[in-house]
Amino acid sequence: MGVVINEFEVLAEPQRAAKADEAGKEGEAPAKIDLHDLQVAQRELERCALRLWAH
């Protein structure tokens, strides 16, 4: 069932059984994140935090 937020309809993605099986495995390391992607994400989080702090 979709949920309407403002003028957009939000639909949940159907979860696959394979994803549930992968999430249930213990002892597996998460996928490695590229260093550049990590730095970009950190900068974005810092930018958002500074904007919230300014208000």
PDB file of N, CA and C in Angstrom:
ATOM      1  N   MET A   1       0.841  -1.167   0.000  1.00  0.00           N
ATOM      2  CA  MET A   1       0.000   0.000   0.000  1.00  0.00           C
ATOM      3  C   MET A   1       0.888   1.231   0.000  1.00  0.00           C
ATOM      4  N   GLY A   2       0.584   2.170  -0.823  1.00  0.00           N
ATOM      5  CA  GLY A   2       1.368   3.387  -0.926  1.00  0.00           C
ATOM      6  C   GLY A   2       0.918   4.427   0.080  1.00  0.00           C
ATOM      7  N   VAL A   3       1.821   5.303   0.435  1.00  0.00           N
ATOM      8  CA  VAL A   3       1.540   6.401   1.341  1.00  0.00           C
ATOM      9  C   VAL A   3       1.805   7.692   0.577  1.00  0.00           C
ATOM     10  N   VAL A   4       0.862   8.632   0.627  1.00  0.00           N
ATOM     11  CA  VAL A   4       1.026   9.897  -0.077  1.00  0.00           C
ATOM     12  C   VAL A   4       1.618  10.926   0.881  1.00  0.00           C
ATOM     13  N   ILE A   5       2.787  11.464   0.503  1.00  0.00           N
ATOM     14  CA  ILE A   5       3.447  12.513   1.266  1.00  0.00           C
ATOM     15  C   ILE A   5       3.533  13.710   0.342  1.00  0.00           C
ATOM     16  N   ASN A   6       2.875  14.805   0.737  1.00  0.00           N
ATOM     17  CA  ASN A   6       2.722  15.983  -0.113  1.00  0.00           C
ATOM     18  C   ASN A   6       2.086  15.536  -1.426  1.00  0.00           C
ATOM     19  N   GLU A   7       2.794  15.635  -2.520  1.00  0.00           N
ATOM     20  CA  GLU A   7       2.224  15.224  -3.803  1.00  0.00           C
ATOM     21  C   GLU A   7       2.861  13.945  -4.332  1.00  0.00           C
ATOM     22  N   PHE A   8       3.683  13.279  -3.535  1.00  0.00           N
ATOM     23  CA  PHE A   8       4.394  12.097  -3.985  1.00  0.00           C
ATOM     24  C   PHE A   8       3.864  10.860  -3.285  1.00  0.00           C
ATOM     25  N   GLU A   9       3.793   9.785  -4.013  1.00  0.00           N
ATOM     26  CA  GLU A   9       3.368   8.520  -3.427  1.00  0.00           C
ATOM     27  C   GLU A   9       4.603   7.685  -3.141  1.00  0.00           C
ATOM     28  N   VAL A  10       4.722   7.214  -1.933  1.00  0.00           N
ATOM     29  CA  VAL A  10       5.870   6.420  -1.514  1.00  0.00           C
ATOM     30  C   VAL A  10       5.441   4.961  -1.457  1.00  0.00           C
ATOM     31  N   LEU A  11       6.187   4.114  -2.153  1.00  0.00           N
ATOM     32  CA  LEU A  11       5.899   2.688  -2.166  1.00  0.00           C
ATOM     33  C   LEU A  11       7.071   1.941  -1.554  1.00  0.00           C
ATOM     34  N   ALA A  12       6.772   0.980  -0.722  1.00  0.00           N
ATOM     35  CA  ALA A  12       7.824   0.162  -0.130  1.00  0.00           C
ATOM     36  C   ALA A  12       8.257  -0.889  -1.143  1.00  0.00           C
ATOM     37  N   GLU A  13       9.575  -1.142  -1.172  1.00  0.00           N
ATOM     38  CA  GLU A  13      10.076  -2.176  -2.062  1.00  0.00           C
ATOM     39  C   GLU A  13       9.763  -3.536  -1.453  1.00  0.00           C
ATOM     40  N   PRO A  14       9.345  -4.491  -2.280  1.00  0.00           N
ATOM     41  CA  PRO A  14       9.097  -5.829  -1.738  1.00  0.00           C
ATOM     42  C   PRO A  14      10.415  -6.461  -1.303  1.00  0.00           C
ATOM     43  N   GLN A  15      10.409  -7.060  -0.145  1.00  0.00           N
ATOM     44  CA  GLN A  15      11.628  -7.687   0.356  1.00  0.00           C
ATOM     45  C   GLN A  15      11.726  -9.095  -0.199  1.00  0.00           C
ATOM     46  N   ARG A  16      12.903  -9.428  -0.627  1.00  0.00           N
ATOM     47  CA  ARG A  16      13.135 -10.768  -1.171  1.00  0.00           C
ATOM     48  C   ARG A  16      13.620 -11.692  -0.072  1.00  0.00           C
ATOM     49  N   ALA A  17      13.358 -12.963  -0.234  1.00  0.00           N
ATOM     50  CA  ALA A  17      13.804 -13.953   0.737  1.00  0.00           C
ATOM     51  C   ALA A  17      15.324 -14.028   0.772  1.00  0.00           C
ATOM     52  N   ALA A  18      15.973 -13.796  -0.363  1.00  0.00           N
ATOM     53  CA  ALA A  18      17.434 -13.858  -0.422  1.00  0.00           C
ATOM     54  C   ALA A  18      18.054 -12.794   0.468  1.00  0.00           C
ATOM     55  N   LYS A  19      17.474 -11.602   0.499  1.00  0.00           N
ATOM     56  CA  LYS A  19      18.007 -10.543   1.347  1.00  0.00           C
ATOM     57  C   LYS A  19      17.876 -10.930   2.813  1.00  0.00           C
ATOM     58  N   ALA A  20      16.783 -11.540   3.164  1.00  0.00           N
ATOM     59  CA  ALA A  20      16.582 -11.960   4.546  1.00  0.00           C
ATOM     60  C   ALA A  20      17.590 -13.029   4.930  1.00  0.00           C
ATOM     61  N   ASP A  21      17.885 -13.940   3.994  1.00  0.00           N
ATOM     62  CA  ASP A  21      18.864 -14.987   4.262  1.00  0.00           C
ATOM     63  C   ASP A  21      20.254 -14.389   4.454  1.00  0.00           C
ATOM     64  N   GLU A  22      20.609 -13.410   3.614  1.00  0.00           N
ATOM     65  CA  GLU A  22      21.917 -12.778   3.731  1.00  0.00           C
ATOM     66  C   GLU A  22      22.044 -12.021   5.038  1.00  0.00           C
ATOM     67  N   ALA A  23      20.973 -11.348   5.444  1.00  0.00           N
ATOM     68  CA  ALA A  23      21.010 -10.574   6.673  1.00  0.00           C
ATOM     69  C   ALA A  23      21.099 -11.487   7.891  1.00  0.00           C
ATOM     70  N   GLY A  24      20.593 -12.705   7.779  1.00  0.00           N
ATOM     71  CA  GLY A  24      20.583 -13.620   8.899  1.00  0.00           C
ATOM     72  C   GLY A  24      21.906 -14.310   9.143  1.00  0.00           C
ATOM     73  N   LYS A  25      22.824 -14.267   8.199  1.00  0.00           N
ATOM     74  CA  LYS A  25      24.108 -14.936   8.363  1.00  0.00           C
ATOM     75  C   LYS A  25      24.948 -14.172   9.376  1.00  0.00           C
ATOM     76  N   GLU A  26      25.550 -14.916  10.289  1.00  0.00           N
ATOM     77  CA  GLU A  26      26.373 -14.288  11.313  1.00  0.00           C
ATOM     78  C   GLU A  26      27.849 -14.443  10.956  1.00  0.00           C
ATOM     79  N   GLY A  27      28.644 -13.505  11.389  1.00  0.00           N
ATOM     80  CA  GLY A  27      30.078 -13.613  11.208  1.00  0.00           C
ATOM     81  C   GLY A  27      30.574 -13.092   9.870  1.00  0.00           C
ATOM     82  N   GLU A  28      29.707 -12.637   8.999  1.00  0.00           N
ATOM     83  CA  GLU A  28      30.149 -12.117   7.715  1.00  0.00           C
ATOM     84  C   GLU A  28      30.419 -10.625   7.843  1.00  0.00           C
ATOM     85  N   ALA A  29      31.502 -10.197   7.224  1.00  0.00           N
ATOM     86  CA  ALA A  29      31.850  -8.777   7.242  1.00  0.00           C
ATOM     87  C   ALA A  29      31.008  -8.039   6.213  1.00  0.00           C
ATOM     88  N   PRO A  30      30.625  -6.810   6.505  1.00  0.00           N
ATOM     89  CA  PRO A  30      29.883  -6.027   5.506  1.00  0.00           C
ATOM     90  C   PRO A  30      30.772  -5.714   4.313  1.00  0.00           C
ATOM     91  N   ALA A  31      30.152  -5.340   3.204  1.00  0.00           N
ATOM     92  CA  ALA A  31      30.896  -5.004   2.004  1.00  0.00           C
ATOM     93  C   ALA A  31      31.788  -3.794   2.262  1.00  0.00           C
ATOM     94  N   LYS A  32      32.958  -3.781   1.653  1.00  0.00           N
ATOM     95  CA  LYS A  32      33.895  -2.675   1.817  1.00  0.00           C
ATOM     96  C   LYS A  32      33.355  -1.432   1.114  1.00  0.00           C
ATOM     97  N   ILE A  33      33.536  -0.289   1.750  1.00  0.00           N
ATOM     98  CA  ILE A  33      33.088   0.983   1.191  1.00  0.00           C
ATOM     99  C   ILE A  33      34.300   1.685   0.600  1.00  0.00           C
ATOM    100  N   ASP A  34      34.137   2.228  -0.586  1.00  0.00           N
ATOM    101  CA  ASP A  34      35.199   2.980  -1.233  1.00  0.00           C
ATOM    102  C   ASP A  34      35.524   4.207  -0.383  1.00  0.00           C
ATOM    103  N   LEU A  35      36.806   4.515  -0.230  1.00  0.00           N
ATOM    104  CA  LEU A  35      37.246   5.631   0.608  1.00  0.00           C
ATOM    105  C   LEU A  35      36.660   6.954   0.122  1.00  0.00           C
ATOM    106  N   HIS A  36      36.622   7.158  -1.183  1.00  0.00           N
ATOM    107  CA  HIS A  36      36.081   8.403  -1.730  1.00  0.00           C
ATOM    108  C   HIS A  36      34.595   8.538  -1.389  1.00  0.00           C
ATOM    109  N   ASP A  37      33.839   7.444  -1.537  1.00  0.00           N
ATOM    110  CA  ASP A  37      32.408   7.475  -1.207  1.00  0.00           C
ATOM    111  C   ASP A  37      32.194   7.775   0.270  1.00  0.00           C
ATOM    112  N   LEU A  38      33.054   7.231   1.119  1.00  0.00           N
ATOM    113  CA  LEU A  38      32.950   7.478   2.553  1.00  0.00           C
ATOM    114  C   LEU A  38      33.205   8.954   2.874  1.00  0.00           C
ATOM    115  N   GLN A  39      34.212   9.535   2.235  1.00  0.00           N
ATOM    116  CA  GLN A  39      34.518  10.943   2.474  1.00  0.00           C
ATOM    117  C   GLN A  39      33.386  11.844   2.004  1.00  0.00           C
ATOM    118  N   VAL A  40      32.798  11.519   0.865  1.00  0.00           N
ATOM    119  CA  VAL A  40      31.672  12.301   0.351  1.00  0.00           C
ATOM    120  C   VAL A  40      30.492  12.218   1.318  1.00  0.00           C
ATOM    121  N   ALA A  41      30.215  11.029   1.823  1.00  0.00           N
ATOM    122  CA  ALA A  41      29.105  10.851   2.766  1.00  0.00           C
ATOM    123  C   ALA A  41      29.367  11.608   4.061  1.00  0.00           C
ATOM    124  N   GLN A  42      30.605  11.563   4.542  1.00  0.00           N
ATOM    125  CA  GLN A  42      30.932  12.281   5.774  1.00  0.00           C
ATOM    126  C   GLN A  42      30.785  13.791   5.592  1.00  0.00           C
ATOM    127  N   ARG A  43      31.240  14.321   4.454  1.00  0.00           N
ATOM    128  CA  ARG A  43      31.092  15.751   4.193  1.00  0.00           C
ATOM    129  C   ARG A  43      29.624  16.154   4.146  1.00  0.00           C
ATOM    130  N   GLU A  44      28.802  15.316   3.525  1.00  0.00           N
ATOM    131  CA  GLU A  44      27.371  15.616   3.432  1.00  0.00           C
ATOM    132  C   GLU A  44      26.731  15.610   4.823  1.00  0.00           C
ATOM    133  N   LEU A  45      27.090  14.642   5.660  1.00  0.00           N
ATOM    134  CA  LEU A  45      26.558  14.604   7.020  1.00  0.00           C
ATOM    135  C   LEU A  45      27.008  15.819   7.824  1.00  0.00           C
ATOM    136  N   GLU A  46      28.267  16.210   7.669  1.00  0.00           N
ATOM    137  CA  GLU A  46      28.761  17.392   8.370  1.00  0.00           C
ATOM    138  C   GLU A  46      28.043  18.653   7.897  1.00  0.00           C
ATOM    139  N   ARG A  47      27.813  18.759   6.588  1.00  0.00           N
ATOM    140  CA  ARG A  47      27.125  19.910   6.037  1.00  0.00           C
ATOM    141  C   ARG A  47      25.703  20.008   6.594  1.00  0.00           C
ATOM    142  N   CYS A  48      25.015  18.874   6.622  1.00  0.00           N
ATOM    143  CA  CYS A  48      23.647  18.853   7.153  1.00  0.00           C
ATOM    144  C   CYS A  48      23.632  19.208   8.643  1.00  0.00           C
ATOM    145  N   ALA A  49      24.600  18.700   9.382  1.00  0.00           N
ATOM    146  CA  ALA A  49      24.669  18.987  10.817  1.00  0.00           C
ATOM    147  C   ALA A  49      24.910  20.475  11.059  1.00  0.00           C
ATOM    148  N   LEU A  50      25.786  21.070  10.258  1.00  0.00           N
ATOM    149  CA  LEU A  50      26.052  22.506  10.426  1.00  0.00           C
ATOM    150  C   LEU A  50      24.832  23.336  10.077  1.00  0.00           C
ATOM    151  N   ARG A  51      24.074  22.922   9.057  1.00  0.00           N
ATOM    152  CA  ARG A  51      22.866  23.653   8.706  1.00  0.00           C
ATOM    153  C   ARG A  51      21.824  23.570   9.815  1.00  0.00           C
ATOM    154  N   LEU A  52      21.685  22.390  10.418  1.00  0.00           N
ATOM    155  CA  LEU A  52      20.736  22.236  11.523  1.00  0.00           C
ATOM    156  C   LEU A  52      21.181  23.035  12.741  1.00  0.00           C
ATOM    157  N   TRP A  53      22.475  23.030  12.997  1.00  0.00           N
ATOM    158  CA  TRP A  53      23.005  23.744  14.143  1.00  0.00           C
ATOM    159  C   TRP A  53      22.794  25.252  13.977  1.00  0.00           C
ATOM    160  N   ALA A  54      22.875  25.741  12.743  1.00  0.00           N
ATOM    161  CA  ALA A  54      22.734  27.179  12.487  1.00  0.00           C
ATOM    162  C   ALA A  54      21.302  27.662  12.751  1.00  0.00           C
ATOM    163  N   HIS A  55      20.356  26.771  12.697  1.00  0.00           N
ATOM    164  CA  HIS A  55      18.963  27.168  12.905  1.00  0.00           C
ATOM    165  C   HIS A  55      18.657  26.970  14.340  1.00  0.00           C
TER     166      HIS A  55
END
